[in-house]
Amino acid sequence: MSIRTLIAAACCAALVLVPAGVAGATSPGAGPPGATLTTEPAAPAPSSSVTLRAAPARPLVGGPVRLVLIGAPPGASGFAWDLTGRGVYAHNTGPSPQIETRFASPGAHSVAVRFTASGHTRRAVLTVDVAAAPAPRRPHRTATARAAPARKAGGLTGRVTAAHTAGDPGVTVADFHFSPSSTTIHVGDTITWTNNGPSSHTASARGGGFDTGVLKRGQSASHTFTQPGTFTYFCQIHPFMHGTIVVLAATTIASHTTPTTPATSTTPTATAATAPTATTAAAPQGPTLPNTGFDVGVSLFAGLLLTGAGVALRCIRAR
């Protein structure tokens, strides 16, 4: 037998023996006694397209934010949410893959969603960066006078400015009405209108007594009333908006009109009753006529001398 024939016979024998050995190893009962081979169905690979997103991506503290699971497999259900990052899935939305929440503090917040798809539980995690809420902006008030056309009717100056003192009463313009709709003040007081609404408004007196002009959001204007009366006004842009200002006369202060009485004149009886003895003791003893400093005795003696001199002169002439 040639060498080529021997090699061909060996190859054929190998091809026959190898499949038989493999079949024996994989057939039931093959291998050591008591050993069995089981096959489990392979778990479906997680889909890389499933993503948890937030809208808006960077919400503000206290603002609404919607969490949405993008690419959830068909038939997915049992969506449970962990909104605190503590592993507690306390919020269940059933078949809905989204939820709305709010964050109470700024910074990074971890959220997660757990759901069931094809008999397997899956989970998606997201870190939400929450920004601090901006500080509220106060309307800028300028002290520069911005005046409407000067008019004068019914004791009104017609000059409306944006400058006013902190104690002045105010009227808020918002939601297409004046609040309060009626205000009572005294002569000399100033009313300030402030527009807190998104639309522009005016406060214009009927008859042209005063006019704030167009006030945009955050702007204000003031007017001082100088005479008593009832003054109605409205918004020229929205005529259905009405308001009333009742101006009362200024009150008179009693201390300015009544003269002050001296303290001694208000208690004359008490003064006389408390010190009558002292007044009598202090009175001088003597004549009630005023003392001029002239001695009466000297004047009498001088008169007698003059009289005697006159008598002597008449006797001498008679001789």
Protein backbone atom coordinates (compact mmCIF):
# COMPACT_ATOMS: atom_id res chain seq x y z
CA MET A 1 0.00 0.00 0.00
CA SER A 2 1.38 3.37 -0.93
CA ILE A 3 1.91 6.31 1.42
CA ARG A 4 -0.83 8.35 -0.25
CA THR A 5 -3.36 5.60 0.37
CA LEU A 6 -2.44 5.46 4.08
CA ILE A 7 -2.85 9.24 4.54
CA ALA A 8 -6.27 9.22 2.85
CA ALA A 9 -7.48 6.36 5.05
CA ALA A 10 -6.35 8.22 8.22
CA CYS A 11 -8.24 11.38 7.21
CA CYS A 12 -11.44 9.46 6.60
CA ALA A 13 -11.19 7.77 9.99
CA ALA A 14 -10.74 11.16 11.70
CA LEU A 15 -13.81 12.61 10.02
CA VAL A 16 -15.94 9.69 11.22
CA LEU A 17 -14.70 9.63 14.85
CA VAL A 18 -14.82 13.39 15.67
CA PRO A 19 -18.61 14.00 15.15
CA ALA A 20 -19.42 10.91 17.15
CA GLY A 21 -17.38 12.19 20.11
CA VAL A 22 -19.02 15.56 19.98
CA ALA A 23 -22.50 14.04 19.86
CA GLY A 24 -21.72 11.88 22.85
CA ALA A 25 -20.54 14.85 24.88
CA THR A 26 -23.68 16.94 24.22
CA SER A 27 -26.31 14.22 24.40
CA PRO A 28 -28.38 13.80 27.62
CA GLY A 29 -26.82 11.41 30.05
CA ALA A 30 -23.34 11.97 28.73
CA GLY A 31 -20.59 12.94 31.12
CA PRO A 32 -20.27 12.15 34.83
CA PRO A 33 -23.24 10.48 36.57
CA GLY A 34 -25.86 13.03 37.91
CA ALA A 35 -24.62 15.95 35.73
CA THR A 36 -27.22 17.73 33.57
CA LEU A 37 -26.82 20.60 31.08
CA THR A 38 -29.53 23.31 31.06
CA THR A 39 -29.97 26.22 28.68
CA GLU A 40 -31.41 29.67 29.85
CA PRO A 41 -32.85 32.24 27.49
CA ALA A 42 -30.46 35.13 27.03
CA ALA A 43 -31.63 38.46 28.54
CA PRO A 44 -32.22 41.16 25.97
CA ALA A 45 -29.42 43.64 25.82
CA PRO A 46 -30.37 47.05 27.23
CA SER A 47 -31.20 49.62 24.59
CA SER A 48 -28.63 52.40 24.43
CA SER A 49 -31.26 54.81 23.05
CA VAL A 50 -33.21 54.99 26.34
CA THR A 51 -32.33 58.36 27.91
CA LEU A 52 -33.72 60.34 30.85
CA ARG A 53 -33.91 64.07 30.17
CA ALA A 54 -35.07 67.22 32.00
CA ALA A 55 -36.97 70.13 30.46
CA PRO A 56 -35.69 72.74 30.98
CA ALA A 57 -32.21 71.28 31.15
CA ARG A 58 -31.17 73.75 33.91
CA PRO A 59 -34.29 74.64 35.90
CA LEU A 60 -34.58 77.30 38.59
CA VAL A 61 -35.24 76.70 42.28
CA GLY A 62 -38.99 76.38 42.77
CA GLY A 63 -39.66 76.32 39.03
CA PRO A 64 -41.42 73.43 37.28
CA VAL A 65 -39.24 70.83 35.55
CA ARG A 66 -40.48 67.85 33.53
CA LEU A 67 -38.53 64.56 33.57
CA VAL A 68 -39.08 62.46 30.42
CA LEU A 69 -37.73 59.00 29.52
CA ILE A 70 -36.83 59.08 25.83
CA GLY A 71 -36.83 55.84 23.80
CA ALA A 72 -38.80 53.64 26.21
CA PRO A 73 -39.45 50.19 24.62
CA PRO A 74 -42.99 49.43 23.44
CA GLY A 75 -45.11 47.94 26.20
CA ALA A 76 -42.95 49.39 28.99
CA SER A 77 -44.92 50.08 32.18
CA GLY A 78 -44.66 50.47 35.92
CA PHE A 79 -42.68 53.74 35.81
CA ALA A 80 -41.54 54.55 39.36
CA TRP A 81 -39.50 57.66 40.15
CA ASP A 82 -36.82 58.47 42.72
CA LEU A 83 -36.79 62.28 42.94
CA THR A 84 -34.60 62.61 46.05
CA GLY A 85 -31.55 60.55 45.07
CA ARG A 86 -32.05 58.28 48.11
CA GLY A 87 -33.14 55.18 46.20
CA VAL A 88 -36.78 55.56 47.24
CA TYR A 89 -39.11 55.22 44.27
CA ALA A 90 -42.07 56.93 45.88
CA HIS A 91 -43.77 58.32 42.75
CA ASN A 92 -45.50 55.94 40.33
CA THR A 93 -46.82 57.16 36.96
CA GLY A 94 -47.96 53.76 35.64
CA PRO A 95 -47.55 53.59 31.85
CA SER A 96 -46.54 57.26 31.53
CA PRO A 97 -42.76 57.74 31.06
CA GLN A 98 -42.73 61.32 32.39
CA ILE A 99 -43.31 63.30 35.59
CA GLU A 100 -43.23 66.95 36.68
CA THR A 101 -41.49 68.10 39.87
CA ARG A 102 -39.84 71.10 41.54
CA PHE A 103 -36.53 71.42 43.41
CA ALA A 104 -36.31 73.43 46.62
CA SER A 105 -32.55 74.10 46.63
CA PRO A 106 -29.89 74.87 44.02
CA GLY A 107 -27.11 72.49 43.02
CA ALA A 108 -26.83 68.98 41.53
CA HIS A 109 -29.84 66.71 42.18
CA SER A 110 -29.82 63.01 41.25
CA VAL A 111 -33.09 61.53 39.93
CA ALA A 112 -33.87 58.04 38.61
CA VAL A 113 -36.70 56.10 36.98
CA ARG A 114 -37.37 52.38 37.16
CA PHE A 115 -39.65 50.54 34.73
CA THR A 116 -40.48 47.08 33.41
CA ALA A 117 -40.02 46.02 29.77
CA SER A 118 -40.22 42.46 28.32
CA GLY A 119 -40.31 40.99 31.82
CA HIS A 120 -37.11 42.74 32.92
CA THR A 121 -36.63 45.75 35.22
CA ARG A 122 -34.54 48.59 33.88
CA ARG A 123 -33.37 51.87 35.35
CA ALA A 124 -32.22 55.24 34.04
CA VAL A 125 -30.41 57.90 36.09
CA LEU A 126 -29.96 61.65 35.49
CA THR A 127 -28.20 64.47 37.37
CA VAL A 128 -30.11 67.76 37.18
CA ASP A 129 -28.22 71.03 37.75
CA VAL A 130 -30.65 73.41 39.49
CA ALA A 131 -29.87 77.14 39.37
CA ALA A 132 -30.70 79.62 42.13
CA ALA A 133 -33.69 81.85 41.48
CA PRO A 134 -32.74 85.45 40.62
CA ALA A 135 -33.47 88.15 43.20
CA PRO A 136 -36.70 90.10 42.49
CA ARG A 137 -36.09 93.37 40.69
CA ARG A 138 -37.51 96.50 42.23
CA PRO A 139 -38.96 99.09 39.88
CA HIS A 140 -36.57 101.97 39.35
CA ARG A 141 -37.98 105.28 40.47
CA THR A 142 -36.35 108.49 39.37
CA ALA A 143 -36.55 111.75 41.27
CA THR A 144 -36.53 113.76 38.04
CA ALA A 145 -39.87 115.37 37.41
CA ARG A 146 -41.73 114.07 34.37
CA ALA A 147 -44.70 116.34 33.87
CA ALA A 148 -47.80 116.12 31.75
CA PRO A 149 -49.09 119.29 30.06
CA ALA A 150 -49.78 121.88 32.75
CA ARG A 151 -53.49 122.44 33.29
CA LYS A 152 -55.49 124.04 36.07
CA ALA A 153 -59.09 123.13 36.83
CA GLY A 154 -60.95 122.72 40.09
CA GLY A 155 -57.97 123.60 42.26
CA LEU A 156 -55.62 121.02 40.68
CA THR A 157 -52.13 122.04 39.68
CA GLY A 158 -52.09 119.70 36.68
CA ARG A 159 -48.44 118.80 37.31
CA VAL A 160 -47.78 115.07 37.73
CA THR A 161 -44.30 113.90 38.74
CA ALA A 162 -42.64 110.60 39.58
CA ALA A 163 -41.10 111.97 42.80
CA HIS A 164 -43.02 111.42 46.03
CA THR A 165 -42.44 110.85 49.73
CA ALA A 166 -42.62 107.50 51.48
CA GLY A 167 -45.81 108.42 53.39
CA ASP A 168 -47.89 109.34 50.34
CA PRO A 169 -50.93 107.13 49.64
CA GLY A 170 -50.66 105.06 46.50
CA VAL A 171 -52.88 103.49 43.85
CA THR A 172 -51.78 100.28 42.11
CA VAL A 173 -52.63 99.84 38.44
CA ALA A 174 -52.80 96.14 37.47
CA ASP A 175 -55.16 93.58 35.96
CA PHE A 176 -57.02 96.40 34.21
CA HIS A 177 -58.28 98.15 37.35
CA PHE A 178 -57.18 100.76 39.90
CA SER A 179 -56.61 99.43 43.42
CA PRO A 180 -58.06 100.90 45.56
CA SER A 181 -60.70 102.26 43.23
CA SER A 182 -61.56 105.05 45.72
CA THR A 183 -59.03 106.87 47.91
CA THR A 184 -59.75 109.51 50.60
CA ILE A 185 -57.04 112.08 51.40
CA HIS A 186 -56.69 115.63 52.76
CA VAL A 187 -55.74 118.84 51.03
CA GLY A 188 -52.00 118.88 50.44
CA ASP A 189 -51.66 115.09 50.20
CA THR A 190 -50.08 113.41 47.19
CA ILE A 191 -51.40 110.37 45.31
CA THR A 192 -48.92 108.08 43.54
CA TRP A 193 -50.02 105.71 40.77
CA THR A 194 -47.76 102.68 40.11
CA ASN A 195 -48.23 100.34 37.15
CA ASN A 196 -47.55 96.75 38.25
CA GLY A 197 -49.25 95.11 35.28
CA PRO A 198 -47.84 94.06 31.89
CA SER A 199 -49.94 96.58 29.92
CA SER A 200 -49.51 100.36 29.72
CA HIS A 201 -52.09 102.58 31.47
CA THR A 202 -52.85 106.22 32.32
CA ALA A 203 -54.61 107.98 35.19
CA SER A 204 -56.38 110.95 33.58
CA ALA A 205 -58.80 113.24 35.41
CA ARG A 206 -62.15 113.89 33.79
CA GLY A 207 -62.07 117.52 32.71
CA GLY A 208 -58.30 117.61 32.30
CA GLY A 209 -57.31 118.39 35.90
CA PHE A 210 -54.33 116.01 35.85
CA ASP A 211 -52.85 113.31 33.66
CA THR A 212 -50.04 110.87 34.50
CA GLY A 213 -49.28 110.17 30.87
CA VAL A 214 -48.62 106.62 29.69
CA LEU A 215 -47.17 104.50 32.51
CA LYS A 216 -45.41 101.33 31.40
CA ARG A 217 -44.73 98.34 33.67
CA GLY A 218 -42.85 99.43 36.79
CA GLN A 219 -43.31 103.18 36.20
CA SER A 220 -45.08 105.54 38.63
CA ALA A 221 -46.32 109.13 38.76
CA SER A 222 -47.62 111.42 41.53
CA HIS A 223 -50.01 114.35 41.88
CA THR A 224 -50.62 116.75 44.81
CA PHE A 225 -54.20 117.89 45.47
CA THR A 226 -54.58 121.50 46.69
CA GLN A 227 -58.35 121.90 47.09
CA PRO A 228 -61.11 119.71 48.57
CA GLY A 229 -63.60 117.89 46.38
CA THR A 230 -64.31 114.60 44.63
CA PHE A 231 -62.26 113.92 41.50
CA THR A 232 -62.88 111.03 39.13
CA TYR A 233 -60.33 109.71 36.65
CA PHE A 234 -59.97 106.91 34.10
CA CYS A 235 -57.46 105.19 31.82
CA GLN A 236 -57.35 106.74 28.35
CA ILE A 237 -56.07 103.46 26.86
CA HIS A 238 -58.73 101.36 28.60
CA PRO A 239 -61.73 103.68 29.25
CA PHE A 240 -63.56 101.03 31.27
CA MET A 241 -61.03 101.54 34.10
CA HIS A 242 -62.31 104.13 36.62
CA GLY A 243 -61.08 105.61 39.91
CA THR A 244 -62.10 108.27 42.46
CA ILE A 245 -60.09 110.59 44.73
CA VAL A 246 -61.99 112.22 47.66
CA VAL A 247 -60.08 115.25 49.00
CA LEU A 248 -61.14 116.49 52.46
CA ALA A 249 -60.48 119.98 53.79
CA ALA A 250 -57.42 120.35 55.98
CA THR A 251 -58.18 120.18 59.72
CA THR A 252 -57.46 123.26 61.95
CA ILE A 253 -55.11 122.76 64.86
CA ALA A 254 -56.53 124.37 68.07
CA SER A 255 -53.14 125.40 69.43
CA HIS A 256 -52.62 127.64 66.39
CA THR A 257 -55.86 129.65 66.84
CA THR A 258 -56.29 129.98 70.64
CA PRO A 259 -53.85 132.37 72.42
CA THR A 260 -51.91 130.94 75.31
CA THR A 261 -53.14 132.23 78.75
CA PRO A 262 -50.47 133.06 81.37
CA ALA A 263 -50.31 130.62 84.24
CA THR A 264 -50.90 133.34 86.87
CA SER A 265 -54.20 134.46 85.35
CA THR A 266 -55.64 130.93 85.30
CA THR A 267 -55.42 130.50 89.08
CA PRO A 268 -56.22 133.90 90.67
CA THR A 269 -58.23 132.42 93.57
CA ALA A 270 -55.49 129.99 94.49
CA THR A 271 -52.89 132.78 94.54
CA ALA A 272 -54.97 135.05 96.81
CA ALA A 273 -55.90 132.22 99.11
CA THR A 274 -52.43 130.83 99.57
CA ALA A 275 -50.55 134.00 100.50
CA PRO A 276 -52.82 136.76 101.92
CA THR A 277 -50.76 137.12 105.12
CA ALA A 278 -47.52 137.55 103.27
CA THR A 279 -48.99 140.33 101.14
CA THR A 280 -50.25 142.26 104.22
CA ALA A 281 -46.95 141.95 106.06
CA ALA A 282 -45.02 143.22 103.11
CA ALA A 283 -47.18 146.41 102.79
CA PRO A 284 -45.31 149.53 104.16
CA GLN A 285 -46.77 151.47 107.17
CA GLY A 286 -47.42 155.23 106.57
CA PRO A 287 -49.40 157.60 104.33
CA THR A 288 -51.03 156.28 101.26
CA LEU A 289 -49.84 159.32 99.22
CA PRO A 290 -46.74 158.73 97.22
CA ASN A 291 -43.49 159.88 98.87
CA THR A 292 -41.90 162.54 96.65
CA GLY A 293 -39.00 163.24 99.02
CA PHE A 294 -40.22 166.85 100.00
CA ASP A 295 -40.46 167.72 103.78
CA VAL A 296 -43.88 169.27 104.67
CA GLY A 297 -42.64 171.04 107.85
CA VAL A 298 -39.96 172.97 106.00
CA SER A 299 -42.52 174.11 103.44
CA LEU A 300 -44.85 175.43 106.20
CA PHE A 301 -42.01 177.35 107.88
CA ALA A 302 -41.02 178.93 104.57
CA GLY A 303 -44.63 179.99 103.97
CA LEU A 304 -44.83 181.70 107.36
CA LEU A 305 -41.59 183.61 106.67
CA LEU A 306 -42.92 184.82 103.33
CA THR A 307 -46.18 185.90 104.93
CA GLY A 308 -44.38 187.87 107.68
CA ALA A 309 -42.12 189.53 105.11
CA GLY A 310 -45.18 190.64 103.16
CA VAL A 311 -46.80 192.16 106.27
CA ALA A 312 -43.58 194.04 107.13
CA LEU A 313 -43.37 195.53 103.63
CA ARG A 314 -46.96 196.80 103.83
CA CYS A 315 -46.22 198.50 107.23
CA ILE A 316 -43.17 200.24 105.86
CA ARG A 317 -45.12 201.60 102.85
CA ALA A 318 -47.87 202.80 105.13
CA ARG A 319 -45.51 205.12 107.02
